[in-house]
Amino acid sequence: MKKILSLALALVCLLAPHVARAESSKTYEVPVALKHATSEKESMANKALSPVAEVKEEGGKFTYKVYIKPLNFMNQQGNLTNLFVLTGGRREATGLAGKGEYTKSFSFESGAKENTVDVALWVDVMDQMQGGTPGAGEQKARLVFDWSQAKMTQAGESKKTPEAKGDKHAITILVNGKEVKTDSPAFIKDGRTMVPVRFISEALGLKVGWDQKTRTVTVGEGASSMKLTIGLKAIVRADGKKTAIDVAAMIKGGRTMVPIRAIGELSGAKVDWNAANRQVIIQK
C-alpha cells in the first residue's frame, strides 16, 4: 500500500508543473485601427473604435475584444450593430456590453497573434440608406493590430473555476432538434416569446425585408409573405387577410423583435413551448 501511495504522489508531482503551464494565461492591451479593405486609409467607422483592444491568450487561443461607441455619419448618429470576421471563413463576432463611452464590444477567437483581420461591418444608418434591411449596407474593412506596441496587463496562473451554468432565466430555441443562437436574447412579453427578426431569416429560411418609412417588416416572399408593423397587433398576409396577435412587433435595443409562434405557425412550422426548460421547440 505504501508503495502505491508513493507512486501516486510521484505522478502528481510530475504532472503538476504541466497542468499549471496549460492553465496559464496572459492579457494584452494592443493598439488597433480600422482601415479600408483595400487601402491604408482609415475606415469611416474607425472614429467609433477604441484605439486599444484587449487580447487574452490562454490554452493556445487568443480572444480579441474591440470596443465601439456611436458614430456620426452625414449628420446622423449611427451604431455598429454587427461585426463579422472574414479571416479564416465568415463568422459573427459576439456582441457584448462595453465600458464608458464605448457602449458596445465585439469579441472573437483566433489561434494566433493576428496583425490584420478582415471584417464586415453592419451600421444601422448605412442599412437604412440601402433600404432598411439588416446588413443591406454592409461594409468591408480590416482590423489592424500593432503587436510591436502591445502591453501585457496580466500574467499568471489561472485557477480552475466551476463551469458556469448560465442564466437560468435565459430562453433557448431548438430548430429541428438543434439549438440556434440569436444575436439578441429572446424574451417573453405578455406570454409570447419575442425573437429578433434576423433569427427568422436564418433559422426558418424566410426572406426578411424592412420598410423604414412605415416601420414594417416583411417576412417571406410572394403569396406566402406576411407583414408586421411596429406597434400593430396584427399580421397581414399577401392576400390582405389579417391575423390578430397578442403582442405587436417592437424595437428593443436596436433590434426588431417579433413573436416567433405566430410567424412560425403561419409559415407552416410547428412551434411548442417547454416551460420546465424554457425552450422554444420548432419543427419545420
C-alpha atoms as a PDB file:
ATOM      1  CA  MET A   1       0.000   0.000   0.000  1.00  0.00           C
ATOM      2  CA  LYS A   2       2.826   2.404   0.898  1.00  0.00           C
ATOM      3  CA  LYS A   3       4.484   1.727  -2.447  1.00  0.00           C
ATOM      4  CA  ILE A   4       1.238   2.517  -4.292  1.00  0.00           C
ATOM      5  CA  LEU A   5       0.791   5.797  -2.383  1.00  0.00           C
ATOM      6  CA  SER A   6       4.391   6.773  -3.062  1.00  0.00           C
ATOM      7  CA  LEU A   7       3.953   6.083  -6.781  1.00  0.00           C
ATOM      8  CA  ALA A   8       0.739   8.136  -6.885  1.00  0.00           C
ATOM      9  CA  LEU A   9       2.406  11.094  -5.156  1.00  0.00           C
ATOM     10  CA  ALA A  10       5.343  10.899  -7.560  1.00  0.00           C
ATOM     11  CA  LEU A  11       2.972  11.025 -10.545  1.00  0.00           C
ATOM     12  CA  VAL A  12       1.153  14.048  -9.109  1.00  0.00           C
ATOM     13  CA  CYS A  13       4.443  15.879  -8.639  1.00  0.00           C
ATOM     14  CA  LEU A  14       5.495  15.100 -12.208  1.00  0.00           C
ATOM     15  CA  LEU A  15       2.188  16.163 -13.745  1.00  0.00           C
ATOM     16  CA  ALA A  16       1.543  19.284 -11.650  1.00  0.00           C
ATOM     17  CA  PRO A  17       4.008  21.603 -13.496  1.00  0.00           C
ATOM     18  CA  HIS A  18       2.495  20.614 -16.851  1.00  0.00           C
ATOM     19  CA  VAL A  19      -1.050  21.299 -15.631  1.00  0.00           C
ATOM     20  CA  ALA A  20      -0.026  24.690 -14.333  1.00  0.00           C
ATOM     21  CA  ARG A  21       1.559  25.663 -17.651  1.00  0.00           C
ATOM     22  CA  ALA A  22      -1.538  24.532 -19.546  1.00  0.00           C
ATOM     23  CA  GLU A  23      -3.728  26.805 -17.440  1.00  0.00           C
ATOM     24  CA  SER A  24      -1.508  29.905 -17.634  1.00  0.00           C
ATOM     25  CA  SER A  25      -2.982  32.987 -19.290  1.00  0.00           C
ATOM     26  CA  LYS A  26      -1.856  36.428 -20.424  1.00  0.00           C
ATOM     27  CA  THR A  27      -3.838  39.562 -21.184  1.00  0.00           C
ATOM     28  CA  TYR A  28      -2.586  42.312 -23.503  1.00  0.00           C
ATOM     29  CA  GLU A  29      -3.596  45.815 -24.482  1.00  0.00           C
ATOM     30  CA  VAL A  30      -2.945  46.094 -28.222  1.00  0.00           C
ATOM     31  CA  PRO A  31      -3.234  49.265 -30.345  1.00  0.00           C
ATOM     32  CA  VAL A  32      -5.819  48.735 -33.084  1.00  0.00           C
ATOM     33  CA  ALA A  33      -7.179  50.686 -36.053  1.00  0.00           C
ATOM     34  CA  LEU A  34      -9.969  50.056 -38.545  1.00  0.00           C
ATOM     35  CA  LYS A  35      -8.841  50.537 -42.141  1.00  0.00           C
ATOM     36  CA  HIS A  36     -10.365  50.219 -45.597  1.00  0.00           C
ATOM     37  CA  ALA A  37     -10.425  46.716 -47.018  1.00  0.00           C
ATOM     38  CA  THR A  38      -8.078  47.583 -49.908  1.00  0.00           C
ATOM     39  CA  SER A  39      -6.055  50.592 -48.766  1.00  0.00           C
ATOM     40  CA  GLU A  40      -4.209  52.047 -45.805  1.00  0.00           C
ATOM     41  CA  LYS A  41      -6.802  54.775 -45.328  1.00  0.00           C
ATOM     42  CA  GLU A  42      -8.831  54.765 -42.133  1.00  0.00           C
ATOM     43  CA  SER A  43     -12.337  53.362 -42.393  1.00  0.00           C
ATOM     44  CA  MET A  44     -15.215  55.724 -41.683  1.00  0.00           C
ATOM     45  CA  ALA A  45     -16.025  53.625 -38.602  1.00  0.00           C
ATOM     46  CA  ASN A  46     -12.505  54.000 -37.155  1.00  0.00           C
ATOM     47  CA  LYS A  47     -13.672  57.053 -35.204  1.00  0.00           C
ATOM     48  CA  ALA A  48     -16.071  54.784 -33.326  1.00  0.00           C
ATOM     49  CA  LEU A  49     -13.364  52.244 -32.457  1.00  0.00           C
ATOM     50  CA  SER A  50     -11.388  52.373 -29.221  1.00  0.00           C
ATOM     51  CA  PRO A  51      -7.685  52.662 -30.175  1.00  0.00           C
ATOM     52  CA  VAL A  52      -6.832  49.870 -27.753  1.00  0.00           C
ATOM     53  CA  ALA A  53      -8.077  46.278 -27.957  1.00  0.00           C
ATOM     54  CA  GLU A  54      -7.956  43.659 -25.224  1.00  0.00           C
ATOM     55  CA  VAL A  55      -6.473  40.291 -26.158  1.00  0.00           C
ATOM     56  CA  LYS A  56      -6.399  37.304 -23.820  1.00  0.00           C
ATOM     57  CA  GLU A  57      -4.050  34.408 -24.545  1.00  0.00           C
ATOM     58  CA  GLU A  58      -4.995  31.125 -22.911  1.00  0.00           C
ATOM     59  CA  GLY A  59      -4.701  27.479 -23.840  1.00  0.00           C
ATOM     60  CA  GLY A  60      -3.154  28.280 -27.211  1.00  0.00           C
ATOM     61  CA  LYS A  61      -6.069  30.523 -28.207  1.00  0.00           C
ATOM     62  CA  PHE A  62      -6.353  34.293 -28.430  1.00  0.00           C
ATOM     63  CA  THR A  63      -9.624  36.059 -27.604  1.00  0.00           C
ATOM     64  CA  TYR A  64      -9.828  39.527 -29.161  1.00  0.00           C
ATOM     65  CA  LYS A  65     -12.173  42.198 -27.812  1.00  0.00           C
ATOM     66  CA  VAL A  66     -12.649  45.575 -29.527  1.00  0.00           C
ATOM     67  CA  TYR A  67     -14.738  48.421 -28.112  1.00  0.00           C
ATOM     68  CA  ILE A  68     -17.172  50.564 -30.119  1.00  0.00           C
ATOM     69  CA  LYS A  69     -19.034  53.824 -29.498  1.00  0.00           C
ATOM     70  CA  PRO A  70     -21.789  55.520 -31.563  1.00  0.00           C
ATOM     71  CA  LEU A  71     -20.559  57.427 -34.617  1.00  0.00           C
ATOM     72  CA  ASN A  72     -21.799  60.397 -36.595  1.00  0.00           C
ATOM     73  CA  PHE A  73     -22.400  59.911 -40.295  1.00  0.00           C
ATOM     74  CA  MET A  74     -23.877  62.602 -42.548  1.00  0.00           C
ATOM     75  CA  ASN A  75     -25.330  64.421 -39.517  1.00  0.00           C
ATOM     76  CA  GLN A  76     -26.912  61.238 -38.208  1.00  0.00           C
ATOM     77  CA  GLN A  77     -25.909  59.150 -35.221  1.00  0.00           C
ATOM     78  CA  GLY A  78     -25.226  55.584 -36.201  1.00  0.00           C
ATOM     79  CA  ASN A  79     -24.351  52.396 -34.393  1.00  0.00           C
ATOM     80  CA  LEU A  80     -22.230  49.474 -35.473  1.00  0.00           C
ATOM     81  CA  THR A  81     -24.711  46.650 -34.880  1.00  0.00           C
ATOM     82  CA  ASN A  82     -22.834  43.583 -36.163  1.00  0.00           C
ATOM     83  CA  LEU A  83     -19.249  42.615 -36.883  1.00  0.00           C
ATOM     84  CA  PHE A  84     -18.272  39.559 -38.918  1.00  0.00           C
ATOM     85  CA  VAL A  85     -14.758  38.124 -39.022  1.00  0.00           C
ATOM     86  CA  LEU A  86     -13.838  37.131 -42.585  1.00  0.00           C
ATOM     87  CA  THR A  87     -10.299  35.864 -41.992  1.00  0.00           C
ATOM     88  CA  GLY A  88     -10.437  32.073 -41.919  1.00  0.00           C
ATOM     89  CA  GLY A  89     -14.083  31.952 -43.010  1.00  0.00           C
ATOM     90  CA  ARG A  90     -17.044  34.174 -42.213  1.00  0.00           C
ATOM     91  CA  ARG A  91     -18.209  34.065 -38.601  1.00  0.00           C
ATOM     92  CA  GLU A  92     -20.048  36.570 -36.429  1.00  0.00           C
ATOM     93  CA  ALA A  93     -18.226  38.210 -33.528  1.00  0.00           C
ATOM     94  CA  THR A  94     -20.017  38.089 -30.195  1.00  0.00           C
ATOM     95  CA  GLY A  95     -21.616  41.409 -29.262  1.00  0.00           C
ATOM     96  CA  LEU A  96     -21.157  42.296 -25.596  1.00  0.00           C
ATOM     97  CA  ALA A  97     -21.567  45.283 -23.289  1.00  0.00           C
ATOM     98  CA  GLY A  98     -18.853  47.923 -23.500  1.00  0.00           C
ATOM     99  CA  LYS A  99     -17.398  50.304 -20.963  1.00  0.00           C
ATOM    100  CA  GLY A 100     -17.511  54.070 -20.542  1.00  0.00           C
ATOM    101  CA  GLU A 101     -18.156  55.963 -23.776  1.00  0.00           C
ATOM    102  CA  TYR A 102     -17.600  52.739 -25.717  1.00  0.00           C
ATOM    103  CA  THR A 103     -21.049  51.304 -25.194  1.00  0.00           C
ATOM    104  CA  LYS A 104     -20.530  48.018 -27.044  1.00  0.00           C
ATOM    105  CA  SER A 105     -17.788  45.484 -27.639  1.00  0.00           C
ATOM    106  CA  PHE A 106     -17.235  42.634 -30.075  1.00  0.00           C
ATOM    107  CA  SER A 107     -15.291  39.510 -29.223  1.00  0.00           C
ATOM    108  CA  PHE A 108     -13.856  36.739 -31.410  1.00  0.00           C
ATOM    109  CA  GLU A 109     -11.255  33.982 -31.171  1.00  0.00           C
ATOM    110  CA  SER A 110      -8.169  33.147 -33.192  1.00  0.00           C
ATOM    111  CA  GLY A 111      -5.342  30.672 -32.919  1.00  0.00           C
ATOM    112  CA  ALA A 112      -2.601  33.285 -33.305  1.00  0.00           C
ATOM    113  CA  LYS A 113      -1.457  36.838 -32.697  1.00  0.00           C
ATOM    114  CA  GLU A 114      -3.142  38.429 -35.690  1.00  0.00           C
ATOM    115  CA  ASN A 115      -1.716  41.568 -37.300  1.00  0.00           C
ATOM    116  CA  THR A 116      -4.631  42.001 -39.705  1.00  0.00           C
ATOM    117  CA  VAL A 117      -8.175  40.634 -39.512  1.00  0.00           C
ATOM    118  CA  ASP A 118     -10.590  41.113 -42.414  1.00  0.00           C
ATOM    119  CA  VAL A 119     -14.071  42.065 -41.208  1.00  0.00           C
ATOM    120  CA  ALA A 120     -17.517  43.070 -42.448  1.00  0.00           C
ATOM    121  CA  LEU A 121     -19.461  45.773 -40.624  1.00  0.00           C
ATOM    122  CA  TRP A 122     -23.178  46.466 -40.294  1.00  0.00           C
ATOM    123  CA  VAL A 123     -24.030  50.060 -39.374  1.00  0.00           C
ATOM    124  CA  ASP A 124     -27.720  50.858 -38.880  1.00  0.00           C
ATOM    125  CA  VAL A 125     -27.536  54.203 -40.713  1.00  0.00           C
ATOM    126  CA  MET A 126     -25.911  52.576 -43.738  1.00  0.00           C
ATOM    127  CA  ASP A 127     -28.535  49.823 -43.712  1.00  0.00           C
ATOM    128  CA  GLN A 128     -31.320  52.405 -43.711  1.00  0.00           C
ATOM    129  CA  MET A 129     -29.754  54.209 -46.673  1.00  0.00           C
ATOM    130  CA  GLN A 130     -29.736  50.937 -48.613  1.00  0.00           C
ATOM    131  CA  GLY A 131     -33.387  50.095 -47.999  1.00  0.00           C
ATOM    132  CA  GLY A 132     -33.526  49.263 -44.306  1.00  0.00           C
ATOM    133  CA  THR A 133     -32.891  45.509 -44.382  1.00  0.00           C
ATOM    134  CA  PRO A 134     -30.317  44.500 -41.715  1.00  0.00           C
ATOM    135  CA  GLY A 135     -26.955  44.130 -43.447  1.00  0.00           C
ATOM    136  CA  ALA A 136     -28.037  45.893 -46.645  1.00  0.00           C
ATOM    137  CA  GLY A 137     -25.275  48.482 -46.198  1.00  0.00           C
ATOM    138  CA  GLU A 138     -22.548  46.012 -45.235  1.00  0.00           C
ATOM    139  CA  GLN A 139     -19.038  47.454 -45.486  1.00  0.00           C
ATOM    140  CA  LYS A 140     -15.742  45.543 -45.715  1.00  0.00           C
ATOM    141  CA  ALA A 141     -12.767  46.706 -43.630  1.00  0.00           C
ATOM    142  CA  ARG A 142      -9.642  45.491 -41.790  1.00  0.00           C
ATOM    143  CA  LEU A 143      -8.767  45.478 -38.108  1.00  0.00           C
ATOM    144  CA  VAL A 144      -5.032  46.206 -37.905  1.00  0.00           C
ATOM    145  CA  PHE A 145      -3.292  45.278 -34.627  1.00  0.00           C
ATOM    146  CA  ASP A 146       0.111  46.736 -33.696  1.00  0.00           C
ATOM    147  CA  TRP A 147       1.701  43.996 -31.598  1.00  0.00           C
ATOM    148  CA  SER A 148       5.013  45.895 -31.504  1.00  0.00           C
ATOM    149  CA  GLN A 149       3.321  48.368 -29.127  1.00  0.00           C
ATOM    150  CA  ALA A 150       1.355  45.784 -27.133  1.00  0.00           C
ATOM    151  CA  LYS A 151       1.460  45.882 -23.344  1.00  0.00           C
ATOM    152  CA  MET A 152       0.936  42.891 -21.101  1.00  0.00           C
ATOM    153  CA  THR A 153      -1.518  43.833 -18.354  1.00  0.00           C
ATOM    154  CA  GLN A 154      -1.876  40.472 -16.644  1.00  0.00           C
ATOM    155  CA  ALA A 155       0.098  37.249 -16.471  1.00  0.00           C
ATOM    156  CA  GLY A 156      -0.128  34.327 -14.144  1.00  0.00           C
ATOM    157  CA  GLU A 157      -1.701  31.027 -13.443  1.00  0.00           C
ATOM    158  CA  SER A 158      -5.426  30.837 -13.938  1.00  0.00           C
ATOM    159  CA  LYS A 159      -7.289  28.925 -11.278  1.00  0.00           C
ATOM    160  CA  LYS A 160      -9.903  26.417 -12.233  1.00  0.00           C
ATOM    161  CA  THR A 161     -13.382  27.703 -11.628  1.00  0.00           C
ATOM    162  CA  PRO A 162     -16.638  25.790 -11.756  1.00  0.00           C
ATOM    163  CA  GLU A 163     -18.236  25.750 -15.172  1.00  0.00           C
ATOM    164  CA  ALA A 164     -20.808  28.487 -15.499  1.00  0.00           C
ATOM    165  CA  LYS A 165     -24.326  27.181 -15.540  1.00  0.00           C
ATOM    166  CA  GLY A 166     -25.631  30.156 -17.489  1.00  0.00           C
ATOM    167  CA  ASP A 167     -28.656  32.327 -16.868  1.00  0.00           C
ATOM    168  CA  LYS A 168     -31.434  30.156 -15.501  1.00  0.00           C
ATOM    169  CA  HIS A 169     -33.938  32.626 -16.962  1.00  0.00           C
ATOM    170  CA  ALA A 170     -32.465  32.507 -20.490  1.00  0.00           C
ATOM    171  CA  ILE A 171     -34.605  31.137 -23.304  1.00  0.00           C
ATOM    172  CA  THR A 172     -33.118  28.615 -25.712  1.00  0.00           C
ATOM    173  CA  ILE A 173     -34.517  27.893 -29.161  1.00  0.00           C
ATOM    174  CA  LEU A 174     -34.337  24.496 -30.820  1.00  0.00           C
ATOM    175  CA  VAL A 175     -34.966  24.190 -34.549  1.00  0.00           C
ATOM    176  CA  ASN A 176     -35.325  20.586 -35.721  1.00  0.00           C
ATOM    177  CA  GLY A 177     -33.574  19.440 -32.559  1.00  0.00           C
ATOM    178  CA  LYS A 178     -30.599  21.804 -32.871  1.00  0.00           C
ATOM    179  CA  GLU A 179     -30.093  24.863 -30.649  1.00  0.00           C
ATOM    180  CA  VAL A 180     -29.958  28.103 -32.627  1.00  0.00           C
ATOM    181  CA  LYS A 181     -28.353  31.206 -31.124  1.00  0.00           C
ATOM    182  CA  THR A 182     -29.872  34.656 -31.604  1.00  0.00           C
ATOM    183  CA  ASP A 183     -27.916  37.902 -31.958  1.00  0.00           C
ATOM    184  CA  SER A 184     -30.134  39.446 -29.281  1.00  0.00           C
ATOM    185  CA  PRO A 185     -31.667  37.475 -26.382  1.00  0.00           C
ATOM    186  CA  ALA A 186     -35.197  36.147 -26.791  1.00  0.00           C
ATOM    187  CA  PHE A 187     -37.598  37.326 -24.104  1.00  0.00           C
ATOM    188  CA  ILE A 188     -41.206  36.826 -23.048  1.00  0.00           C
ATOM    189  CA  LYS A 189     -43.698  39.669 -23.442  1.00  0.00           C
ATOM    190  CA  ASP A 190     -47.255  39.106 -22.191  1.00  0.00           C
ATOM    191  CA  GLY A 191     -46.843  35.375 -22.501  1.00  0.00           C
ATOM    192  CA  ARG A 192     -45.342  35.461 -26.021  1.00  0.00           C
ATOM    193  CA  THR A 193     -41.719  34.705 -26.936  1.00  0.00           C
ATOM    194  CA  MET A 194     -40.127  37.539 -28.893  1.00  0.00           C
ATOM    195  CA  VAL A 195     -37.094  36.965 -31.109  1.00  0.00           C
ATOM    196  CA  PRO A 196     -35.009  39.250 -33.366  1.00  0.00           C
ATOM    197  CA  VAL A 197     -36.388  39.256 -36.903  1.00  0.00           C
ATOM    198  CA  ARG A 198     -32.967  38.264 -38.232  1.00  0.00           C
ATOM    199  CA  PHE A 199     -33.423  34.918 -36.499  1.00  0.00           C
ATOM    200  CA  ILE A 200     -36.499  34.326 -38.670  1.00  0.00           C
ATOM    201  CA  SER A 201     -34.462  34.576 -41.857  1.00  0.00           C
ATOM    202  CA  GLU A 202     -31.578  32.443 -40.599  1.00  0.00           C
ATOM    203  CA  ALA A 203     -33.444  29.722 -38.692  1.00  0.00           C
ATOM    204  CA  LEU A 204     -36.620  29.404 -40.767  1.00  0.00           C
ATOM    205  CA  GLY A 205     -35.084  30.266 -44.133  1.00  0.00           C
ATOM    206  CA  LEU A 206     -37.509  33.122 -44.805  1.00  0.00           C
ATOM    207  CA  LYS A 207     -36.521  36.302 -46.596  1.00  0.00           C
ATOM    208  CA  VAL A 208     -36.932  39.403 -44.426  1.00  0.00           C
ATOM    209  CA  GLY A 209     -37.447  42.993 -45.592  1.00  0.00           C
ATOM    210  CA  TRP A 210     -37.802  46.299 -43.746  1.00  0.00           C
ATOM    211  CA  ASP A 211     -39.661  49.473 -44.749  1.00  0.00           C
ATOM    212  CA  GLN A 212     -38.239  52.326 -42.694  1.00  0.00           C
ATOM    213  CA  LYS A 213     -41.000  54.785 -43.646  1.00  0.00           C
ATOM    214  CA  THR A 214     -43.866  52.572 -42.484  1.00  0.00           C
ATOM    215  CA  ARG A 215     -41.760  50.699 -39.885  1.00  0.00           C
ATOM    216  CA  THR A 216     -42.992  47.442 -41.354  1.00  0.00           C
ATOM    217  CA  VAL A 217     -41.258  44.056 -41.507  1.00  0.00           C
ATOM    218  CA  THR A 218     -41.999  41.742 -44.441  1.00  0.00           C
ATOM    219  CA  VAL A 219     -41.404  38.037 -43.855  1.00  0.00           C
ATOM    220  CA  GLY A 220     -41.371  35.605 -46.774  1.00  0.00           C
ATOM    221  CA  GLU A 221     -41.989  36.232 -50.457  1.00  0.00           C
ATOM    222  CA  GLY A 222     -44.855  36.327 -52.916  1.00  0.00           C
ATOM    223  CA  ALA A 223     -48.242  34.867 -51.997  1.00  0.00           C
ATOM    224  CA  SER A 224     -46.922  33.434 -48.732  1.00  0.00           C
ATOM    225  CA  SER A 225     -45.446  36.697 -47.442  1.00  0.00           C
ATOM    226  CA  MET A 226     -46.682  38.450 -44.313  1.00  0.00           C
ATOM    227  CA  LYS A 227     -46.215  41.931 -42.879  1.00  0.00           C
ATOM    228  CA  LEU A 228     -45.834  43.101 -39.288  1.00  0.00           C
ATOM    229  CA  THR A 229     -45.903  46.801 -38.441  1.00  0.00           C
ATOM    230  CA  ILE A 230     -44.210  48.039 -35.300  1.00  0.00           C
ATOM    231  CA  GLY A 231     -46.865  48.565 -32.623  1.00  0.00           C
ATOM    232  CA  LEU A 232     -49.694  46.897 -34.602  1.00  0.00           C
ATOM    233  CA  LYS A 233     -51.187  43.673 -33.156  1.00  0.00           C
ATOM    234  CA  ALA A 234     -51.839  42.017 -36.490  1.00  0.00           C
ATOM    235  CA  ILE A 235     -50.093  40.082 -39.224  1.00  0.00           C
ATOM    236  CA  VAL A 236     -51.247  40.946 -42.738  1.00  0.00           C
ATOM    237  CA  ARG A 237     -50.874  38.247 -45.399  1.00  0.00           C
ATOM    238  CA  ALA A 238     -50.218  38.945 -49.070  1.00  0.00           C
ATOM    239  CA  ASP A 239     -53.907  38.416 -49.874  1.00  0.00           C
ATOM    240  CA  GLY A 240     -54.881  41.099 -47.344  1.00  0.00           C
ATOM    241  CA  LYS A 241     -56.119  38.655 -44.698  1.00  0.00           C
ATOM    242  CA  LYS A 242     -55.284  39.769 -41.167  1.00  0.00           C
ATOM    243  CA  THR A 243     -54.385  37.538 -38.238  1.00  0.00           C
ATOM    244  CA  ALA A 244     -54.638  39.087 -34.782  1.00  0.00           C
ATOM    245  CA  ILE A 245     -51.643  38.602 -32.480  1.00  0.00           C
ATOM    246  CA  ASP A 246     -51.345  39.190 -28.730  1.00  0.00           C
ATOM    247  CA  VAL A 247     -48.098  41.138 -28.883  1.00  0.00           C
ATOM    248  CA  ALA A 248     -47.052  43.539 -31.638  1.00  0.00           C
ATOM    249  CA  ALA A 249     -43.616  43.657 -33.252  1.00  0.00           C
ATOM    250  CA  MET A 250     -41.368  46.075 -31.391  1.00  0.00           C
ATOM    251  CA  ILE A 251     -37.886  47.548 -31.390  1.00  0.00           C
ATOM    252  CA  LYS A 252     -35.710  46.757 -28.376  1.00  0.00           C
ATOM    253  CA  GLY A 253     -32.023  47.518 -28.047  1.00  0.00           C
ATOM    254  CA  GLY A 254     -31.836  48.495 -31.704  1.00  0.00           C
ATOM    255  CA  ARG A 255     -33.292  45.139 -32.810  1.00  0.00           C
ATOM    256  CA  THR A 256     -36.703  44.478 -34.341  1.00  0.00           C
ATOM    257  CA  MET A 257     -38.367  41.788 -32.207  1.00  0.00           C
ATOM    258  CA  VAL A 258     -41.290  39.683 -33.427  1.00  0.00           C
ATOM    259  CA  PRO A 259     -43.476  36.918 -31.909  1.00  0.00           C
ATOM    260  CA  ILE A 260     -41.951  33.617 -33.003  1.00  0.00           C
ATOM    261  CA  ARG A 261     -45.023  31.394 -32.564  1.00  0.00           C
ATOM    262  CA  ALA A 262     -47.271  33.475 -34.818  1.00  0.00           C
ATOM    263  CA  ILE A 263     -44.743  33.721 -37.630  1.00  0.00           C
ATOM    264  CA  GLY A 264     -43.598  30.128 -37.257  1.00  0.00           C
ATOM    265  CA  GLU A 265     -47.080  28.675 -37.447  1.00  0.00           C
ATOM    266  CA  LEU A 266     -48.213  30.916 -40.296  1.00  0.00           C
ATOM    267  CA  SER A 267     -45.136  29.811 -42.270  1.00  0.00           C
ATOM    268  CA  GLY A 268     -46.013  26.139 -41.734  1.00  0.00           C
ATOM    269  CA  ALA A 269     -43.692  25.315 -38.846  1.00  0.00           C
ATOM    270  CA  LYS A 270     -44.808  23.681 -35.606  1.00  0.00           C
ATOM    271  CA  VAL A 271     -43.934  25.723 -32.524  1.00  0.00           C
ATOM    272  CA  ASP A 272     -44.050  24.376 -28.955  1.00  0.00           C
ATOM    273  CA  TRP A 273     -43.005  25.742 -25.572  1.00  0.00           C
ATOM    274  CA  ASN A 274     -41.222  23.670 -22.892  1.00  0.00           C
ATOM    275  CA  ALA A 275     -41.854  25.673 -19.719  1.00  0.00           C
ATOM    276  CA  ALA A 276     -39.691  23.467 -17.477  1.00  0.00           C
ATOM    277  CA  ASN A 277     -36.569  24.049 -19.602  1.00  0.00           C
ATOM    278  CA  ARG A 278     -37.597  27.448 -21.008  1.00  0.00           C
ATOM    279  CA  GLN A 279     -37.235  26.179 -24.556  1.00  0.00           C
ATOM    280  CA  VAL A 280     -38.962  27.132 -27.783  1.00  0.00           C
ATOM    281  CA  ILE A 281     -39.136  23.981 -29.925  1.00  0.00           C
ATOM    282  CA  ILE A 282     -39.612  24.484 -33.671  1.00  0.00           C
ATOM    283  CA  GLN A 283     -40.146  21.721 -36.209  1.00  0.00           C
ATOM    284  CA  LYS A 284     -40.267  22.671 -39.879  1.00  0.00           C
END
